[in-house]
């Protein structure tokens, strides 16, 4: 069940982008609460998953129109906060783990400098103290010889190690909420499981909330507590992740039917037939 005192409360969120002739909504009427739990958002590419995450962080371009009846984090209205206060929340109270570390890490700064920078910015620690914290954080994400890795540049680490660096950078300030946008999609299966295990350990240890964006139904089913299913910018169904097989909405049923299975192999996978009514049109 949802947390009765949620970290994040969103009601009727709409995100629209201006085009040459009109304003086009990419997300319409999204509502959910998130407590100290792992909530997954799943759906096809273009369904609005990442748009929601970036709207919460207020990372969209200035011309983007973001409206909501409520978008509150720990009682603070994220829509009306001055940018200066919002900067204090980003990375400190709400952190975002992006999809591919090679596009997210600064290529001209060492790994250690980038992790330590977060602590210096948000906690005002000295350079020596921040580097010590960064080394300890790399050890927590199971990186061998963290002192050596601190001196490396992003191009010198593997994809799995780079993602662990990203996780350590986002969690070092001990935020209350993590938004993870496809954090394992660029990794192979064995490394993916290691990264998920580390993320799970750190979320549980620090009593955080996690918004996990993915289009891997099997991953969300095994990793998350609850799941929101998005289609064409709208949440069409919400249920416990362990009950995903009991989904009732035809879109969710169609996604499940299109999954390959080792135990029940099919000659041909089902094709999802969409209904315009699912998008509220």
C-alpha atoms as a PDB file:
ATOM      1  CA  UNK A   1       0.000   0.000   0.000  1.00  0.00           C
ATOM      2  CA  UNK A   2       1.188   3.577  -0.596  1.00  0.00           C
ATOM      3  CA  UNK A   3       2.848   5.370   2.323  1.00  0.00           C
ATOM      4  CA  UNK A   4       0.235   7.405   4.295  1.00  0.00           C
ATOM      5  CA  UNK A   5       2.847  10.182   4.709  1.00  0.00           C
ATOM      6  CA  UNK A   6       4.544  10.204   1.289  1.00  0.00           C
ATOM      7  CA  UNK A   7       7.859  11.833   0.443  1.00  0.00           C
ATOM      8  CA  UNK A   8       6.479  12.886  -2.931  1.00  0.00           C
ATOM      9  CA  UNK A   9       2.870  13.640  -3.823  1.00  0.00           C
ATOM     10  CA  UNK A  10       1.873  14.367  -7.434  1.00  0.00           C
ATOM     11  CA  UNK A  11      -1.641  15.265  -8.552  1.00  0.00           C
ATOM     12  CA  UNK A  12      -2.753  15.857 -12.135  1.00  0.00           C
ATOM     13  CA  UNK A  13       0.726  16.558 -13.513  1.00  0.00           C
ATOM     14  CA  UNK A  14       0.759  17.827 -17.099  1.00  0.00           C
ATOM     15  CA  UNK A  15       3.915  18.544 -19.106  1.00  0.00           C
ATOM     16  CA  UNK A  16       3.578  20.258 -22.497  1.00  0.00           C
ATOM     17  CA  UNK A  17       6.210  21.295 -25.026  1.00  0.00           C
ATOM     18  CA  UNK A  18       5.778  24.183 -27.484  1.00  0.00           C
ATOM     19  CA  UNK A  19       5.942  23.395 -31.204  1.00  0.00           C
ATOM     20  CA  UNK A  20       5.786  25.799 -34.138  1.00  0.00           C
ATOM     21  CA  UNK A  21       2.000  26.135 -34.070  1.00  0.00           C
ATOM     22  CA  UNK A  22       0.739  24.760 -30.763  1.00  0.00           C
ATOM     23  CA  UNK A  23       1.516  23.433 -27.292  1.00  0.00           C
ATOM     24  CA  UNK A  24       1.737  19.640 -27.289  1.00  0.00           C
ATOM     25  CA  UNK A  25       1.200  17.734 -24.014  1.00  0.00           C
ATOM     26  CA  UNK A  26       3.659  14.870 -23.468  1.00  0.00           C
ATOM     27  CA  UNK A  27       2.245  13.961 -20.039  1.00  0.00           C
ATOM     28  CA  UNK A  28      -1.384  14.459 -18.983  1.00  0.00           C
ATOM     29  CA  UNK A  29      -3.100  14.031 -15.631  1.00  0.00           C
ATOM     30  CA  UNK A  30      -0.458  11.899 -13.888  1.00  0.00           C
ATOM     31  CA  UNK A  31      -1.085  11.343 -10.166  1.00  0.00           C
ATOM     32  CA  UNK A  32       0.769   9.195  -7.630  1.00  0.00           C
ATOM     33  CA  UNK A  33       2.294   9.176  -4.144  1.00  0.00           C
ATOM     34  CA  UNK A  34       5.711   7.792  -3.280  1.00  0.00           C
ATOM     35  CA  UNK A  35       6.913   6.975   0.217  1.00  0.00           C
ATOM     36  CA  UNK A  36      10.013   5.194   1.461  1.00  0.00           C
ATOM     37  CA  UNK A  37       9.543   2.408  -1.066  1.00  0.00           C
ATOM     38  CA  UNK A  38      10.549   1.383  -4.581  1.00  0.00           C
ATOM     39  CA  UNK A  39       7.991   2.435  -7.186  1.00  0.00           C
ATOM     40  CA  UNK A  40       8.519   1.488 -10.822  1.00  0.00           C
ATOM     41  CA  UNK A  41       7.203   3.356 -13.866  1.00  0.00           C
ATOM     42  CA  UNK A  42       6.996   1.183 -16.969  1.00  0.00           C
ATOM     43  CA  UNK A  43       5.778   1.698 -20.506  1.00  0.00           C
ATOM     44  CA  UNK A  44       7.034   1.890 -24.054  1.00  0.00           C
ATOM     45  CA  UNK A  45       9.542   4.481 -25.247  1.00  0.00           C
ATOM     46  CA  UNK A  46       7.730   7.806 -25.589  1.00  0.00           C
ATOM     47  CA  UNK A  47       5.106   7.017 -22.952  1.00  0.00           C
ATOM     48  CA  UNK A  48       6.247   9.895 -20.717  1.00  0.00           C
ATOM     49  CA  UNK A  49       8.236   8.069 -18.042  1.00  0.00           C
ATOM     50  CA  UNK A  50      11.419  10.145 -18.192  1.00  0.00           C
ATOM     51  CA  UNK A  51       9.399  13.319 -18.806  1.00  0.00           C
ATOM     52  CA  UNK A  52       7.726  12.816 -15.412  1.00  0.00           C
ATOM     53  CA  UNK A  53      11.064  12.272 -13.674  1.00  0.00           C
ATOM     54  CA  UNK A  54      12.604  15.383 -15.197  1.00  0.00           C
ATOM     55  CA  UNK A  55       9.496  17.439 -14.397  1.00  0.00           C
ATOM     56  CA  UNK A  56       9.826  16.529 -10.718  1.00  0.00           C
ATOM     57  CA  UNK A  57      13.449  17.736 -10.807  1.00  0.00           C
ATOM     58  CA  UNK A  58      12.452  20.777 -12.930  1.00  0.00           C
ATOM     59  CA  UNK A  59      15.085  19.918 -15.511  1.00  0.00           C
ATOM     60  CA  UNK A  60      13.046  20.684 -18.628  1.00  0.00           C
ATOM     61  CA  UNK A  61      13.773  23.766 -20.794  1.00  0.00           C
ATOM     62  CA  UNK A  62      12.247  27.028 -19.562  1.00  0.00           C
ATOM     63  CA  UNK A  63       9.620  27.087 -22.315  1.00  0.00           C
ATOM     64  CA  UNK A  64       8.173  23.773 -21.119  1.00  0.00           C
ATOM     65  CA  UNK A  65       4.764  24.182 -19.468  1.00  0.00           C
ATOM     66  CA  UNK A  66       4.552  22.139 -16.261  1.00  0.00           C
ATOM     67  CA  UNK A  67       1.310  22.322 -14.305  1.00  0.00           C
ATOM     68  CA  UNK A  68      -0.125  20.282 -11.454  1.00  0.00           C
ATOM     69  CA  UNK A  69      -2.725  20.568  -8.740  1.00  0.00           C
ATOM     70  CA  UNK A  70       0.023  19.367  -6.409  1.00  0.00           C
ATOM     71  CA  UNK A  71       3.685  18.409  -6.795  1.00  0.00           C
ATOM     72  CA  UNK A  72       5.044  18.403  -3.260  1.00  0.00           C
ATOM     73  CA  UNK A  73       8.226  16.902  -1.843  1.00  0.00           C
ATOM     74  CA  UNK A  74       8.350  16.642   1.951  1.00  0.00           C
ATOM     75  CA  UNK A  75       5.677  19.358   2.111  1.00  0.00           C
ATOM     76  CA  UNK A  76       7.466  21.754  -0.270  1.00  0.00           C
ATOM     77  CA  UNK A  77       5.730  22.787  -3.477  1.00  0.00           C
ATOM     78  CA  UNK A  78       8.255  21.991  -6.212  1.00  0.00           C
ATOM     79  CA  UNK A  79       6.371  24.046  -8.781  1.00  0.00           C
ATOM     80  CA  UNK A  80       6.636  27.341  -6.912  1.00  0.00           C
ATOM     81  CA  UNK A  81      10.041  27.022  -5.230  1.00  0.00           C
ATOM     82  CA  UNK A  82      12.522  29.687  -6.375  1.00  0.00           C
ATOM     83  CA  UNK A  83      15.305  28.270  -8.535  1.00  0.00           C
ATOM     84  CA  UNK A  84      17.879  28.904  -5.813  1.00  0.00           C
ATOM     85  CA  UNK A  85      15.969  26.675  -3.362  1.00  0.00           C
ATOM     86  CA  UNK A  86      15.380  24.107  -6.098  1.00  0.00           C
ATOM     87  CA  UNK A  87      19.137  23.881  -6.707  1.00  0.00           C
ATOM     88  CA  UNK A  88      19.592  23.117  -3.014  1.00  0.00           C
ATOM     89  CA  UNK A  89      17.141  20.209  -3.341  1.00  0.00           C
ATOM     90  CA  UNK A  90      18.599  18.742  -6.549  1.00  0.00           C
ATOM     91  CA  UNK A  91      21.373  16.309  -5.731  1.00  0.00           C
ATOM     92  CA  UNK A  92      20.933  16.831  -1.994  1.00  0.00           C
ATOM     93  CA  UNK A  93      17.342  15.852  -1.152  1.00  0.00           C
ATOM     94  CA  UNK A  94      16.341  14.461  -4.572  1.00  0.00           C
ATOM     95  CA  UNK A  95      18.953  12.815  -6.781  1.00  0.00           C
ATOM     96  CA  UNK A  96      18.685  11.456 -10.316  1.00  0.00           C
ATOM     97  CA  UNK A  97      20.650   8.504 -11.701  1.00  0.00           C
ATOM     98  CA  UNK A  98      20.749   8.734 -15.488  1.00  0.00           C
ATOM     99  CA  UNK A  99      20.819   6.033 -18.101  1.00  0.00           C
ATOM    100  CA  UNK A 100      24.387   5.932 -19.375  1.00  0.00           C
ATOM    101  CA  UNK A 101      27.371   7.110 -17.298  1.00  0.00           C
ATOM    102  CA  UNK A 102      29.531   7.925 -20.316  1.00  0.00           C
ATOM    103  CA  UNK A 103      27.089  10.719 -21.222  1.00  0.00           C
ATOM    104  CA  UNK A 104      26.530  11.878 -17.630  1.00  0.00           C
ATOM    105  CA  UNK A 105      30.040  12.056 -16.169  1.00  0.00           C
ATOM    106  CA  UNK A 106      32.369  14.952 -16.935  1.00  0.00           C
ATOM    107  CA  UNK A 107      35.109  13.554 -19.211  1.00  0.00           C
ATOM    108  CA  UNK A 108      37.777  16.044 -18.063  1.00  0.00           C
ATOM    109  CA  UNK A 109      37.403  15.459 -14.300  1.00  0.00           C
ATOM    110  CA  UNK A 110      38.539  12.399 -12.387  1.00  0.00           C
ATOM    111  CA  UNK A 111      35.964  10.135 -10.794  1.00  0.00           C
ATOM    112  CA  UNK A 112      37.078  11.224  -7.324  1.00  0.00           C
ATOM    113  CA  UNK A 113      36.766  14.929  -8.121  1.00  0.00           C
ATOM    114  CA  UNK A 114      33.226  14.495  -9.413  1.00  0.00           C
ATOM    115  CA  UNK A 115      31.992  12.530  -6.410  1.00  0.00           C
ATOM    116  CA  UNK A 116      33.708  14.853  -3.914  1.00  0.00           C
ATOM    117  CA  UNK A 117      32.231  17.913  -5.661  1.00  0.00           C
ATOM    118  CA  UNK A 118      28.724  16.861  -4.558  1.00  0.00           C
ATOM    119  CA  UNK A 119      29.738  16.824  -0.882  1.00  0.00           C
ATOM    120  CA  UNK A 120      31.577  20.130  -1.150  1.00  0.00           C
ATOM    121  CA  UNK A 121      28.573  21.781  -2.819  1.00  0.00           C
ATOM    122  CA  UNK A 122      25.818  20.502  -0.535  1.00  0.00           C
ATOM    123  CA  UNK A 123      27.591  19.970   2.808  1.00  0.00           C
ATOM    124  CA  UNK A 124      30.463  22.455   2.665  1.00  0.00           C
ATOM    125  CA  UNK A 125      33.123  19.908   3.649  1.00  0.00           C
ATOM    126  CA  UNK A 126      36.808  20.528   3.024  1.00  0.00           C
ATOM    127  CA  UNK A 127      38.462  18.991  -0.043  1.00  0.00           C
ATOM    128  CA  UNK A 128      40.276  16.430   2.110  1.00  0.00           C
ATOM    129  CA  UNK A 129      37.123  15.407   4.017  1.00  0.00           C
ATOM    130  CA  UNK A 130      35.077  15.218   0.837  1.00  0.00           C
ATOM    131  CA  UNK A 131      37.632  12.957  -0.867  1.00  0.00           C
ATOM    132  CA  UNK A 132      37.609  10.683   2.170  1.00  0.00           C
ATOM    133  CA  UNK A 133      33.792  10.472   1.972  1.00  0.00           C
ATOM    134  CA  UNK A 134      34.023   9.780  -1.775  1.00  0.00           C
ATOM    135  CA  UNK A 135      36.495   6.933  -1.194  1.00  0.00           C
ATOM    136  CA  UNK A 136      34.217   5.419   1.458  1.00  0.00           C
ATOM    137  CA  UNK A 137      31.233   5.711  -0.897  1.00  0.00           C
ATOM    138  CA  UNK A 138      33.064   3.898  -3.700  1.00  0.00           C
ATOM    139  CA  UNK A 139      33.828   1.125  -1.228  1.00  0.00           C
ATOM    140  CA  UNK A 140      30.106   0.930  -0.355  1.00  0.00           C
ATOM    141  CA  UNK A 141      29.207   0.336  -4.004  1.00  0.00           C
ATOM    142  CA  UNK A 142      31.627  -2.617  -4.026  1.00  0.00           C
ATOM    143  CA  UNK A 143      34.390  -1.060  -6.113  1.00  0.00           C
ATOM    144  CA  UNK A 144      37.731  -2.738  -5.487  1.00  0.00           C
ATOM    145  CA  UNK A 145      40.671  -0.481  -4.688  1.00  0.00           C
ATOM    146  CA  UNK A 146      38.628   2.746  -4.467  1.00  0.00           C
ATOM    147  CA  UNK A 147      41.807   4.828  -3.970  1.00  0.00           C
ATOM    148  CA  UNK A 148      42.962   3.821  -7.462  1.00  0.00           C
ATOM    149  CA  UNK A 149      39.546   4.362  -9.056  1.00  0.00           C
ATOM    150  CA  UNK A 150      39.341   7.860  -7.535  1.00  0.00           C
ATOM    151  CA  UNK A 151      42.214   8.910  -9.820  1.00  0.00           C
ATOM    152  CA  UNK A 152      40.682   7.537 -13.031  1.00  0.00           C
ATOM    153  CA  UNK A 153      38.824   9.493 -15.708  1.00  0.00           C
ATOM    154  CA  UNK A 154      35.373   8.305 -16.908  1.00  0.00           C
ATOM    155  CA  UNK A 155      36.756   6.813 -20.148  1.00  0.00           C
ATOM    156  CA  UNK A 156      39.072   4.601 -18.069  1.00  0.00           C
ATOM    157  CA  UNK A 157      36.262   2.741 -16.258  1.00  0.00           C
ATOM    158  CA  UNK A 158      33.929   0.050 -17.578  1.00  0.00           C
ATOM    159  CA  UNK A 159      30.175   0.555 -18.047  1.00  0.00           C
ATOM    160  CA  UNK A 160      29.334  -1.312 -14.846  1.00  0.00           C
ATOM    161  CA  UNK A 161      31.933   0.573 -12.824  1.00  0.00           C
ATOM    162  CA  UNK A 162      30.770   3.863 -14.347  1.00  0.00           C
ATOM    163  CA  UNK A 163      27.214   3.165 -13.231  1.00  0.00           C
ATOM    164  CA  UNK A 164      28.445   2.416  -9.707  1.00  0.00           C
ATOM    165  CA  UNK A 165      30.304   5.728  -9.768  1.00  0.00           C
ATOM    166  CA  UNK A 166      27.045   7.459 -10.769  1.00  0.00           C
ATOM    167  CA  UNK A 167      25.185   5.746  -7.929  1.00  0.00           C
ATOM    168  CA  UNK A 168      27.838   6.739  -5.397  1.00  0.00           C
ATOM    169  CA  UNK A 169      27.765  10.340  -6.661  1.00  0.00           C
ATOM    170  CA  UNK A 170      23.984  10.550  -6.334  1.00  0.00           C
ATOM    171  CA  UNK A 171      23.772   8.836  -2.934  1.00  0.00           C
ATOM    172  CA  UNK A 172      26.763  10.408  -1.192  1.00  0.00           C
ATOM    173  CA  UNK A 173      24.657  13.359   0.044  1.00  0.00           C
ATOM    174  CA  UNK A 174      22.085  10.876   1.446  1.00  0.00           C
ATOM    175  CA  UNK A 175      19.016  12.149  -0.426  1.00  0.00           C
ATOM    176  CA  UNK A 176      15.516  11.172   0.659  1.00  0.00           C
ATOM    177  CA  UNK A 177      14.414  10.368  -2.891  1.00  0.00           C
ATOM    178  CA  UNK A 178      16.218   8.792  -5.850  1.00  0.00           C
ATOM    179  CA  UNK A 179      14.882   8.987  -9.411  1.00  0.00           C
ATOM    180  CA  UNK A 180      16.606   6.246 -11.429  1.00  0.00           C
ATOM    181  CA  UNK A 181      16.049   6.629 -15.177  1.00  0.00           C
ATOM    182  CA  UNK A 182      16.884   3.332 -16.892  1.00  0.00           C
ATOM    183  CA  UNK A 183      20.007   2.941 -14.706  1.00  0.00           C
ATOM    184  CA  UNK A 184      20.877  -0.551 -15.954  1.00  0.00           C
ATOM    185  CA  UNK A 185      19.781  -0.580 -19.600  1.00  0.00           C
ATOM    186  CA  UNK A 186      23.339  -0.092 -20.908  1.00  0.00           C
ATOM    187  CA  UNK A 187      24.720  -2.988 -18.845  1.00  0.00           C
ATOM    188  CA  UNK A 188      24.940  -6.720 -19.509  1.00  0.00           C
ATOM    189  CA  UNK A 189      22.777  -9.068 -17.439  1.00  0.00           C
ATOM    190  CA  UNK A 190      25.347 -10.115 -14.818  1.00  0.00           C
ATOM    191  CA  UNK A 191      26.546  -6.557 -14.115  1.00  0.00           C
ATOM    192  CA  UNK A 192      22.938  -5.324 -14.126  1.00  0.00           C
ATOM    193  CA  UNK A 193      22.069  -7.625 -11.231  1.00  0.00           C
ATOM    194  CA  UNK A 194      25.112  -6.485  -9.241  1.00  0.00           C
ATOM    195  CA  UNK A 195      24.169  -2.823  -9.719  1.00  0.00           C
ATOM    196  CA  UNK A 196      20.539  -3.486  -8.709  1.00  0.00           C
ATOM    197  CA  UNK A 197      21.690  -5.332  -5.581  1.00  0.00           C
ATOM    198  CA  UNK A 198      23.916  -2.393  -4.603  1.00  0.00           C
ATOM    199  CA  UNK A 199      21.112   0.109  -5.249  1.00  0.00           C
ATOM    200  CA  UNK A 200      18.689  -2.001  -3.198  1.00  0.00           C
ATOM    201  CA  UNK A 201      21.155  -2.204  -0.291  1.00  0.00           C
ATOM    202  CA  UNK A 202      21.776   1.547  -0.230  1.00  0.00           C
ATOM    203  CA  UNK A 203      18.080   2.465  -0.501  1.00  0.00           C
ATOM    204  CA  UNK A 204      17.224   0.131   2.397  1.00  0.00           C
ATOM    205  CA  UNK A 205      20.199   1.256   4.498  1.00  0.00           C
ATOM    206  CA  UNK A 206      19.358   4.963   4.152  1.00  0.00           C
ATOM    207  CA  UNK A 207      15.536   4.549   4.242  1.00  0.00           C
ATOM    208  CA  UNK A 208      15.036   6.308   0.897  1.00  0.00           C
ATOM    209  CA  UNK A 209      12.278   6.408  -1.666  1.00  0.00           C
ATOM    210  CA  UNK A 210      13.067   5.230  -5.188  1.00  0.00           C
ATOM    211  CA  UNK A 211      11.275   6.070  -8.442  1.00  0.00           C
ATOM    212  CA  UNK A 212      12.578   3.475 -10.893  1.00  0.00           C
ATOM    213  CA  UNK A 213      11.940   4.216 -14.584  1.00  0.00           C
ATOM    214  CA  UNK A 214      12.188   1.242 -16.941  1.00  0.00           C
ATOM    215  CA  UNK A 215      10.565  -0.676 -19.749  1.00  0.00           C
ATOM    216  CA  UNK A 216      11.766  -4.033 -18.460  1.00  0.00           C
ATOM    217  CA  UNK A 217       8.655  -5.591 -16.947  1.00  0.00           C
ATOM    218  CA  UNK A 218      10.456  -8.601 -15.481  1.00  0.00           C
ATOM    219  CA  UNK A 219      13.052  -6.403 -13.797  1.00  0.00           C
ATOM    220  CA  UNK A 220      10.427  -4.111 -12.245  1.00  0.00           C
ATOM    221  CA  UNK A 221       8.344  -7.102 -11.141  1.00  0.00           C
ATOM    222  CA  UNK A 222      11.261  -8.543  -9.130  1.00  0.00           C
ATOM    223  CA  UNK A 223      12.844  -5.290  -7.904  1.00  0.00           C
ATOM    224  CA  UNK A 224      10.044  -2.824  -7.065  1.00  0.00           C
ATOM    225  CA  UNK A 225       7.235  -2.709  -4.499  1.00  0.00           C
ATOM    226  CA  UNK A 226       4.624  -0.969  -6.666  1.00  0.00           C
ATOM    227  CA  UNK A 227       4.363  -0.204 -10.348  1.00  0.00           C
ATOM    228  CA  UNK A 228       2.704   2.505 -12.461  1.00  0.00           C
ATOM    229  CA  UNK A 229       1.991   1.636 -16.102  1.00  0.00           C
ATOM    230  CA  UNK A 230       2.113   4.588 -18.507  1.00  0.00           C
ATOM    231  CA  UNK A 231       0.690   4.861 -22.003  1.00  0.00           C
ATOM    232  CA  UNK A 232       0.731   7.998 -24.191  1.00  0.00           C
ATOM    233  CA  UNK A 233       1.547  10.268 -21.265  1.00  0.00           C
ATOM    234  CA  UNK A 234      -1.049   8.850 -18.858  1.00  0.00           C
ATOM    235  CA  UNK A 235      -0.995   6.358 -15.991  1.00  0.00           C
ATOM    236  CA  UNK A 236      -3.421   3.648 -17.085  1.00  0.00           C
ATOM    237  CA  UNK A 237      -2.921   1.236 -14.176  1.00  0.00           C
ATOM    238  CA  UNK A 238      -1.288   1.010 -10.741  1.00  0.00           C
ATOM    239  CA  UNK A 239      -0.715  -2.178  -8.752  1.00  0.00           C
ATOM    240  CA  UNK A 240       1.781  -4.039  -6.593  1.00  0.00           C
ATOM    241  CA  UNK A 241       4.760  -5.253  -8.617  1.00  0.00           C
ATOM    242  CA  UNK A 242       4.308  -8.800  -7.297  1.00  0.00           C
ATOM    243  CA  UNK A 243       0.768  -8.751  -8.738  1.00  0.00           C
ATOM    244  CA  UNK A 244       1.777  -7.586 -12.212  1.00  0.00           C
ATOM    245  CA  UNK A 245       0.452 -10.819 -13.740  1.00  0.00           C
ATOM    246  CA  UNK A 246      -2.971  -9.906 -12.354  1.00  0.00           C
ATOM    247  CA  UNK A 247      -3.105  -6.600 -14.276  1.00  0.00           C
ATOM    248  CA  UNK A 248      -6.504  -5.805 -15.788  1.00  0.00           C
ATOM    249  CA  UNK A 249      -5.846  -3.001 -18.257  1.00  0.00           C
ATOM    250  CA  UNK A 250      -5.608  -4.283 -21.853  1.00  0.00           C
ATOM    251  CA  UNK A 251      -2.405  -2.282 -22.439  1.00  0.00           C
ATOM    252  CA  UNK A 252      -0.637  -3.938 -19.495  1.00  0.00           C
ATOM    253  CA  UNK A 253      -2.012  -7.319 -20.563  1.00  0.00           C
ATOM    254  CA  UNK A 254      -0.681  -6.680 -24.064  1.00  0.00           C
ATOM    255  CA  UNK A 255       2.800  -5.833 -22.779  1.00  0.00           C
ATOM    256  CA  UNK A 256       2.870  -9.003 -20.685  1.00  0.00           C
ATOM    257  CA  UNK A 257       1.689 -11.128 -23.609  1.00  0.00           C
ATOM    258  CA  UNK A 258       4.527  -9.783 -25.761  1.00  0.00           C
ATOM    259  CA  UNK A 259       7.202 -11.005 -23.331  1.00  0.00           C
ATOM    260  CA  UNK A 260       9.147 -14.129 -24.365  1.00  0.00           C
ATOM    261  CA  UNK A 261       9.177 -16.989 -21.853  1.00  0.00           C
ATOM    262  CA  UNK A 262      11.673 -19.807 -21.300  1.00  0.00           C
ATOM    263  CA  UNK A 263       9.115 -21.967 -19.504  1.00  0.00           C
ATOM    264  CA  UNK A 264       6.295 -21.420 -22.016  1.00  0.00           C
ATOM    265  CA  UNK A 265       7.939 -20.805 -25.402  1.00  0.00           C
ATOM    266  CA  UNK A 266       5.760 -19.455 -28.219  1.00  0.00           C
ATOM    267  CA  UNK A 267       6.196 -19.753 -31.973  1.00  0.00           C
ATOM    268  CA  UNK A 268       5.152 -16.140 -32.370  1.00  0.00           C
ATOM    269  CA  UNK A 269       4.916 -13.371 -29.776  1.00  0.00           C
ATOM    270  CA  UNK A 270       1.669 -11.429 -29.451  1.00  0.00           C
ATOM    271  CA  UNK A 271       1.424  -8.033 -31.157  1.00  0.00           C
ATOM    272  CA  UNK A 272       0.035  -5.190 -29.072  1.00  0.00           C
ATOM    273  CA  UNK A 273      -3.100  -3.670 -30.609  1.00  0.00           C
ATOM    274  CA  UNK A 274      -3.631  -0.143 -29.298  1.00  0.00           C
ATOM    275  CA  UNK A 275      -6.945   1.553 -28.608  1.00  0.00           C
ATOM    276  CA  UNK A 276      -7.161   5.391 -28.891  1.00  0.00           C
ATOM    277  CA  UNK A 277      -9.373   5.335 -25.795  1.00  0.00           C
ATOM    278  CA  UNK A 278      -6.345   4.360 -23.678  1.00  0.00           C
ATOM    279  CA  UNK A 279      -4.874   7.811 -24.305  1.00  0.00           C
ATOM    280  CA  UNK A 280      -8.087   9.502 -23.185  1.00  0.00           C
ATOM    281  CA  UNK A 281      -8.972  10.681 -26.700  1.00  0.00           C
END
